[in-house]
PDB file of N, CA and C in Angstrom:
ATOM      1  N   MET A   1       0.862  -1.157   0.014  1.00  0.00           N
ATOM      2  CA  MET A   1      -0.015   0.035   0.004  1.00  0.00           C
ATOM      3  C   MET A   1       0.918   1.214   0.031  1.00  0.00           C
ATOM      4  N   GLY A   2       0.472   2.263  -0.704  1.00  0.00           N
ATOM      5  CA  GLY A   2       1.248   3.470  -0.865  1.00  0.00           C
ATOM      6  C   GLY A   2       0.462   4.650  -0.336  1.00  0.00           C
ATOM      7  N   ILE A   3       1.132   5.733  -0.361  1.00  0.00           N
ATOM      8  CA  ILE A   3       0.484   7.040   0.001  1.00  0.00           C
ATOM      9  C   ILE A   3       0.345   7.923  -1.210  1.00  0.00           C
ATOM     10  N   VAL A   4      -0.860   8.451  -1.387  1.00  0.00           N
ATOM     11  CA  VAL A   4      -1.116   9.378  -2.465  1.00  0.00           C
ATOM     12  C   VAL A   4      -1.405  10.744  -1.932  1.00  0.00           C
ATOM     13  N   LYS A   5      -0.637  11.712  -2.366  1.00  0.00           N
ATOM     14  CA  LYS A   5      -0.908  13.139  -1.886  1.00  0.00           C
ATOM     15  C   LYS A   5      -1.814  13.786  -2.865  1.00  0.00           C
ATOM     16  N   ILE A   6      -2.850  14.425  -2.297  1.00  0.00           N
ATOM     17  CA  ILE A   6      -3.823  15.137  -3.029  1.00  0.00           C
ATOM     18  C   ILE A   6      -4.023  16.501  -2.430  1.00  0.00           C
ATOM     19  N   SER A   7      -4.589  17.423  -3.166  1.00  0.00           N
ATOM     20  CA  SER A   7      -4.790  18.771  -2.603  1.00  0.00           C
ATOM     21  C   SER A   7      -5.837  18.747  -1.537  1.00  0.00           C
ATOM     22  N   ASN A   8      -5.787  19.738  -0.645  1.00  0.00           N
ATOM     23  CA  ASN A   8      -6.818  19.869   0.387  1.00  0.00           C
ATOM     24  C   ASN A   8      -8.222  20.030  -0.163  1.00  0.00           C
ATOM     25  N   GLU A   9      -8.334  20.732  -1.302  1.00  0.00           N
ATOM     26  CA  GLU A   9      -9.651  20.870  -1.948  1.00  0.00           C
ATOM     27  C   GLU A   9     -10.203  19.550  -2.397  1.00  0.00           C
ATOM     28  N   LEU A  10      -9.388  18.761  -3.052  1.00  0.00           N
ATOM     29  CA  LEU A  10      -9.855  17.456  -3.492  1.00  0.00           C
ATOM     30  C   LEU A  10     -10.192  16.549  -2.362  1.00  0.00           C
ATOM     31  N   HIS A  11      -9.382  16.592  -1.280  1.00  0.00           N
ATOM     32  CA  HIS A  11      -9.663  15.791  -0.118  1.00  0.00           C
ATOM     33  C   HIS A  11     -11.042  16.156   0.456  1.00  0.00           C
ATOM     34  N   GLU A  12     -11.345  17.442   0.520  1.00  0.00           N
ATOM     35  CA  GLU A  12     -12.575  17.873   1.043  1.00  0.00           C
ATOM     36  C   GLU A  12     -13.765  17.380   0.195  1.00  0.00           C
ATOM     37  N   GLU A  13     -13.571  17.367  -1.155  1.00  0.00           N
ATOM     38  CA  GLU A  13     -14.640  16.850  -2.032  1.00  0.00           C
ATOM     39  C   GLU A  13     -14.802  15.378  -1.816  1.00  0.00           C
ATOM     40  N   VAL A  14     -13.712  14.624  -1.659  1.00  0.00           N
ATOM     41  CA  VAL A  14     -13.815  13.205  -1.356  1.00  0.00           C
ATOM     42  C   VAL A  14     -14.542  12.993  -0.052  1.00  0.00           C
ATOM     43  N   ARG A  15     -14.156  13.776   0.950  1.00  0.00           N
ATOM     44  CA  ARG A  15     -14.833  13.629   2.284  1.00  0.00           C
ATOM     45  C   ARG A  15     -16.316  13.852   2.185  1.00  0.00           C
ATOM     46  N   LYS A  16     -16.763  14.912   1.468  1.00  0.00           N
ATOM     47  CA  LYS A  16     -18.191  15.183   1.381  1.00  0.00           C
ATOM     48  C   LYS A  16     -18.900  14.091   0.585  1.00  0.00           C
ATOM     49  N   ASN A  17     -18.303  13.636  -0.547  1.00  0.00           N
ATOM     50  CA  ASN A  17     -18.955  12.578  -1.351  1.00  0.00           C
ATOM     51  C   ASN A  17     -18.942  11.281  -0.592  1.00  0.00           C
ATOM     52  N   SER A  18     -17.943  10.999   0.193  1.00  0.00           N
ATOM     53  CA  SER A  18     -17.914   9.704   0.908  1.00  0.00           C
ATOM     54  C   SER A  18     -19.037   9.673   1.934  1.00  0.00           C
ATOM     55  N   ALA A  19     -19.377  10.803   2.489  1.00  0.00           N
ATOM     56  CA  ALA A  19     -20.513  10.820   3.455  1.00  0.00           C
ATOM     57  C   ALA A  19     -21.806  10.560   2.771  1.00  0.00           C
ATOM     58  N   VAL A  20     -22.031  11.134   1.566  1.00  0.00           N
ATOM     59  CA  VAL A  20     -23.246  10.935   0.865  1.00  0.00           C
ATOM     60  C   VAL A  20     -23.368   9.482   0.388  1.00  0.00           C
ATOM     61  N   MET A  21     -22.237   8.901  -0.095  1.00  0.00           N
ATOM     62  CA  MET A  21     -22.238   7.586  -0.659  1.00  0.00           C
ATOM     63  C   MET A  21     -22.037   6.486   0.443  1.00  0.00           C
ATOM     64  N   GLU A  22     -21.920   6.942   1.737  1.00  0.00           N
ATOM     65  CA  GLU A  22     -21.726   6.045   2.848  1.00  0.00           C
ATOM     66  C   GLU A  22     -20.561   5.107   2.615  1.00  0.00           C
ATOM     67  N   ARG A  23     -19.427   5.712   2.179  1.00  0.00           N
ATOM     68  CA  ARG A  23     -18.192   5.019   1.997  1.00  0.00           C
ATOM     69  C   ARG A  23     -17.152   5.709   2.865  1.00  0.00           C
ATOM     70  N   SER A  24     -16.068   5.011   3.178  1.00  0.00           N
ATOM     71  CA  SER A  24     -14.960   5.630   3.873  1.00  0.00           C
ATOM     72  C   SER A  24     -14.283   6.599   2.879  1.00  0.00           C
ATOM     73  N   ILE A  25     -13.561   7.588   3.423  1.00  0.00           N
ATOM     74  CA  ILE A  25     -12.841   8.489   2.530  1.00  0.00           C
ATOM     75  C   ILE A  25     -11.944   7.692   1.576  1.00  0.00           C
ATOM     76  N   ASN A  26     -11.203   6.714   2.072  1.00  0.00           N
ATOM     77  CA  ASN A  26     -10.287   5.905   1.250  1.00  0.00           C
ATOM     78  C   ASN A  26     -11.089   5.134   0.198  1.00  0.00           C
ATOM     79  N   SER A  27     -12.214   4.571   0.569  1.00  0.00           N
ATOM     80  CA  SER A  27     -13.013   3.829  -0.387  1.00  0.00           C
ATOM     81  C   SER A  27     -13.550   4.717  -1.512  1.00  0.00           C
ATOM     82  N   GLN A  28     -13.966   5.927  -1.135  1.00  0.00           N
ATOM     83  CA  GLN A  28     -14.449   6.848  -2.120  1.00  0.00           C
ATOM     84  C   GLN A  28     -13.395   7.266  -3.122  1.00  0.00           C
ATOM     85  N   ALA A  29     -12.188   7.595  -2.595  1.00  0.00           N
ATOM     86  CA  ALA A  29     -11.068   7.948  -3.416  1.00  0.00           C
ATOM     87  C   ALA A  29     -10.699   6.751  -4.357  1.00  0.00           C
ATOM     88  N   GLU A  30     -10.671   5.519  -3.799  1.00  0.00           N
ATOM     89  CA  GLU A  30     -10.340   4.360  -4.597  1.00  0.00           C
ATOM     90  C   GLU A  30     -11.358   4.125  -5.756  1.00  0.00           C
ATOM     91  N   PHE A  31     -12.639   4.370  -5.376  1.00  0.00           N
ATOM     92  CA  PHE A  31     -13.708   4.218  -6.378  1.00  0.00           C
ATOM     93  C   PHE A  31     -13.508   5.211  -7.510  1.00  0.00           C
ATOM     94  N   TRP A  32     -13.247   6.458  -7.164  1.00  0.00           N
ATOM     95  CA  TRP A  32     -12.994   7.456  -8.199  1.00  0.00           C
ATOM     96  C   TRP A  32     -11.770   7.113  -9.090  1.00  0.00           C
ATOM     97  N   MET A  33     -10.715   6.620  -8.424  1.00  0.00           N
ATOM     98  CA  MET A  33      -9.518   6.267  -9.212  1.00  0.00           C
ATOM     99  C   MET A  33      -9.789   5.101 -10.149  1.00  0.00           C
ATOM    100  N   LYS A  34     -10.567   4.100  -9.645  1.00  0.00           N
ATOM    101  CA  LYS A  34     -10.882   2.983 -10.469  1.00  0.00           C
ATOM    102  C   LYS A  34     -11.720   3.376 -11.657  1.00  0.00           C
ATOM    103  N   ILE A  35     -12.783   4.148 -11.419  1.00  0.00           N
ATOM    104  CA  ILE A  35     -13.646   4.619 -12.534  1.00  0.00           C
ATOM    105  C   ILE A  35     -12.822   5.494 -13.526  1.00  0.00           C
ATOM    106  N   GLY A  36     -11.973   6.364 -12.995  1.00  0.00           N
ATOM    107  CA  GLY A  36     -11.192   7.214 -13.857  1.00  0.00           C
ATOM    108  C   GLY A  36     -10.234   6.375 -14.742  1.00  0.00           C
ATOM    109  N   ARG A  37      -9.641   5.338 -14.135  1.00  0.00           N
ATOM    110  CA  ARG A  37      -8.754   4.463 -14.915  1.00  0.00           C
ATOM    111  C   ARG A  37      -9.528   3.764 -15.986  1.00  0.00           C
ATOM    112  N   LEU A  38     -10.687   3.190 -15.644  1.00  0.00           N
ATOM    113  CA  LEU A  38     -11.528   2.512 -16.637  1.00  0.00           C
ATOM    114  C   LEU A  38     -12.004   3.465 -17.719  1.00  0.00           C
ATOM    115  N   ALA A  39     -12.316   4.738 -17.365  1.00  0.00           N
ATOM    116  CA  ALA A  39     -12.770   5.671 -18.371  1.00  0.00           C
ATOM    117  C   ALA A  39     -11.594   6.016 -19.312  1.00  0.00           C
ATOM    118  N   GLU A  40     -10.382   6.155 -18.836  1.00  0.00           N
ATOM    119  CA  GLU A  40      -9.263   6.394 -19.716  1.00  0.00           C
ATOM    120  C   GLU A  40      -8.976   5.184 -20.630  1.00  0.00           C
ATOM    121  N   GLN A  41      -9.156   3.975 -20.129  1.00  0.00           N
ATOM    122  CA  GLN A  41      -8.940   2.802 -20.924  1.00  0.00           C
ATOM    123  C   GLN A  41     -10.031   2.506 -21.904  1.00  0.00           C
ATOM    124  N   ASN A  42     -11.230   3.069 -21.683  1.00  0.00           N
ATOM    125  CA  ASN A  42     -12.441   2.839 -22.514  1.00  0.00           C
ATOM    126  C   ASN A  42     -13.080   4.169 -22.805  1.00  0.00           C
ATOM    127  N   PRO A  43     -12.418   5.012 -23.587  1.00  0.00           N
ATOM    128  CA  PRO A  43     -12.899   6.386 -23.827  1.00  0.00           C
ATOM    129  C   PRO A  43     -14.288   6.493 -24.529  1.00  0.00           C
ATOM    130  N   THR A  44     -14.703   5.401 -25.144  1.00  0.00           N
ATOM    131  CA  THR A  44     -16.019   5.483 -25.824  1.00  0.00           C
ATOM    132  C   THR A  44     -17.204   5.093 -24.944  1.00  0.00           C
ATOM    133  N   LEU A  45     -16.946   4.619 -23.717  1.00  0.00           N
ATOM    134  CA  LEU A  45     -17.979   4.205 -22.783  1.00  0.00           C
ATOM    135  C   LEU A  45     -18.419   5.384 -21.909  1.00  0.00           C
ATOM    136  N   THR A  46     -19.691   5.413 -21.613  1.00  0.00           N
ATOM    137  CA  THR A  46     -20.203   6.457 -20.714  1.00  0.00           C
ATOM    138  C   THR A  46     -19.985   5.934 -19.246  1.00  0.00           C
ATOM    139  N   TYR A  47     -20.152   6.831 -18.310  1.00  0.00           N
ATOM    140  CA  TYR A  47     -20.022   6.449 -16.913  1.00  0.00           C
ATOM    141  C   TYR A  47     -21.008   5.319 -16.559  1.00  0.00           C
ATOM    142  N   GLU A  48     -22.263   5.446 -17.059  1.00  0.00           N
ATOM    143  CA  GLU A  48     -23.296   4.409 -16.796  1.00  0.00           C
ATOM    144  C   GLU A  48     -22.863   3.088 -17.375  1.00  0.00           C
ATOM    145  N   GLN A  49     -22.275   3.118 -18.619  1.00  0.00           N
ATOM    146  CA  GLN A  49     -21.845   1.881 -19.241  1.00  0.00           C
ATOM    147  C   GLN A  49     -20.670   1.213 -18.505  1.00  0.00           C
ATOM    148  N   ILE A  50     -19.801   2.028 -17.945  1.00  0.00           N
ATOM    149  CA  ILE A  50     -18.697   1.463 -17.166  1.00  0.00           C
ATOM    150  C   ILE A  50     -19.229   0.821 -15.892  1.00  0.00           C
ATOM    151  N   LEU A  51     -20.183   1.506 -15.202  1.00  0.00           N
ATOM    152  CA  LEU A  51     -20.725   0.897 -14.009  1.00  0.00           C
ATOM    153  C   LEU A  51     -21.516  -0.360 -14.347  1.00  0.00           C
ATOM    154  N   GLN A  52     -22.271  -0.369 -15.446  1.00  0.00           N
ATOM    155  CA  GLN A  52     -23.036  -1.555 -15.816  1.00  0.00           C
ATOM    156  C   GLN A  52     -22.090  -2.724 -16.094  1.00  0.00           C
ATOM    157  N   ARG A  53     -21.018  -2.453 -16.781  1.00  0.00           N
ATOM    158  CA  ARG A  53     -20.022  -3.490 -17.083  1.00  0.00           C
ATOM    159  C   ARG A  53     -19.380  -4.044 -15.856  1.00  0.00           C
ATOM    160  N   GLU A  54     -19.024  -3.153 -14.932  1.00  0.00           N
ATOM    161  CA  GLU A  54     -18.398  -3.649 -13.680  1.00  0.00           C
ATOM    162  C   GLU A  54     -19.414  -4.475 -12.874  1.00  0.00           C
ATOM    163  N   MET A  55     -20.684  -4.063 -12.861  1.00  0.00           N
ATOM    164  CA  MET A  55     -21.670  -4.823 -12.112  1.00  0.00           C
ATOM    165  C   MET A  55     -21.862  -6.195 -12.778  1.00  0.00           C
ATOM    166  N   GLN A  56     -21.806  -6.264 -14.074  1.00  0.00           N
ATOM    167  CA  GLN A  56     -22.007  -7.526 -14.770  1.00  0.00           C
ATOM    168  C   GLN A  56     -20.795  -8.403 -14.438  1.00  0.00           C
ATOM    169  N   ASN A  57     -19.601  -7.869 -14.405  1.00  0.00           N
ATOM    170  CA  ASN A  57     -18.398  -8.567 -14.070  1.00  0.00           C
ATOM    171  C   ASN A  57     -18.445  -9.208 -12.654  1.00  0.00           C
ATOM    172  N   LYS A  58     -19.213  -8.600 -11.791  1.00  0.00           N
ATOM    173  CA  LYS A  58     -19.364  -9.048 -10.377  1.00  0.00           C
ATOM    174  C   LYS A  58     -20.695  -9.786 -10.164  1.00  0.00           C
ATOM    175  N   ASN A  59     -21.395 -10.033 -11.287  1.00  0.00           N
ATOM    176  CA  ASN A  59     -22.722 -10.741 -11.219  1.00  0.00           C
ATOM    177  C   ASN A  59     -23.725 -10.007 -10.312  1.00  0.00           C
ATOM    178  N   VAL A  60     -23.746  -8.664 -10.446  1.00  0.00           N
ATOM    179  CA  VAL A  60     -24.733  -7.893  -9.641  1.00  0.00           C
ATOM    180  C   VAL A  60     -25.869  -7.550 -10.584  1.00  0.00           C
ATOM    181  N   THR A  61     -27.118  -7.816 -10.095  1.00  0.00           N
ATOM    182  CA  THR A  61     -28.245  -7.443 -10.892  1.00  0.00           C
ATOM    183  C   THR A  61     -28.778  -6.114 -10.397  1.00  0.00           C
ATOM    184  N   SER A  62     -29.316  -5.327 -11.269  1.00  0.00           N
ATOM    185  CA  SER A  62     -29.786  -3.987 -10.850  1.00  0.00           C
ATOM    186  C   SER A  62     -31.240  -3.850 -11.251  1.00  0.00           C
ATOM    187  N   VAL A  63     -31.963  -2.975 -10.619  1.00  0.00           N
ATOM    188  CA  VAL A  63     -33.305  -2.651 -10.887  1.00  0.00           C
ATOM    189  C   VAL A  63     -33.368  -1.174 -11.408  1.00  0.00           C
ATOM    190  N   ARG A  64     -33.991  -1.028 -12.533  1.00  0.00           N
ATOM    191  CA  ARG A  64     -34.120   0.341 -13.036  1.00  0.00           C
ATOM    192  C   ARG A  64     -35.242   1.002 -12.342  1.00  0.00           C
ATOM    193  N   LEU A  65     -35.028   2.166 -11.747  1.00  0.00           N
ATOM    194  CA  LEU A  65     -36.090   2.917 -11.014  1.00  0.00           C
ATOM    195  C   LEU A  65     -36.825   3.876 -11.914  1.00  0.00           C
ATOM    196  N   VAL A  66     -36.176   4.242 -13.017  1.00  0.00           N
ATOM    197  CA  VAL A  66     -36.798   5.185 -13.966  1.00  0.00           C
ATOM    198  C   VAL A  66     -36.970   4.425 -15.288  1.00  0.00           C
ATOM    199  N   SER A  67     -38.163   4.575 -15.848  1.00  0.00           N
ATOM    200  CA  SER A  67     -38.382   3.914 -17.133  1.00  0.00           C
ATOM    201  C   SER A  67     -37.867   4.870 -18.219  1.00  0.00           C
ATOM    202  N   GLU A  68     -37.308   4.258 -19.219  1.00  0.00           N
ATOM    203  CA  GLU A  68     -36.696   4.993 -20.329  1.00  0.00           C
ATOM    204  C   GLU A  68     -37.669   5.052 -21.469  1.00  0.00           C
TER     205      GLU A  68
END
């Protein structure tokens, strides 16, 4: 495990988002890093497509709350 230095402003954003998402600060930062890496590796996919692919990889089923 390593240490990643980030700005105070970014740390504050991670802290606020982690509270909303009910994740630890480290888990929130790790989630953002993972999604960012996947977005760079798959520039044609949307955020929703990336999440859907990751959920499928983990055999997670989802329920759509909004009809399209």
